[in-house]
């Protein structure tokens, strides 16, 4: 019960931070700075896939409703949640995932955390920017926003994770 309350509380906090602060930070040529994928990544590793996908979709939908982005966040968050088990499967066995609890640097190690989280952030940002532009003639701009937005978001999320996660 205590863990469930903590998860809900951290989810609400991430959504409020995204809506109140990070969605207002304008990096016009670089794309938006997003931190909510860190919340999705930190959900328990052994969480049932159906619930995990539903949680990702719900978080994205709430952001879409408030930011009026027409499903961009819901699609990108759902893609993030869809690919997380496959990316985790590259580095961890099922037993490892059950023992891990909530993924993070203390339980995964810095290298595995950066690789798995970095791949998922790249996928999330790719889905977000492809759906937002949806034009092939703007491929160079799409690539610029995808790479720079991913790197900036990843750096900010790793800093947030390092500041607030107990060792």
Foldseek 3Di string as FASTA:
>chain_A
DVVVVVLVVVLVVQLCCVLPPQQPDDPPLQDGQHQNVLSLQQAQLLPDLVVSLVVQLVSQVVSCVRVVQPCLSNQLSSQLSVCLVVLVVVPDDPVLSVVQTTDDCVRQNDVSCCVSSLVSLLSSLLSSLCVNPVDPVCVVSSVNNSVSSSVNNSVVNNVVRVVPPDD
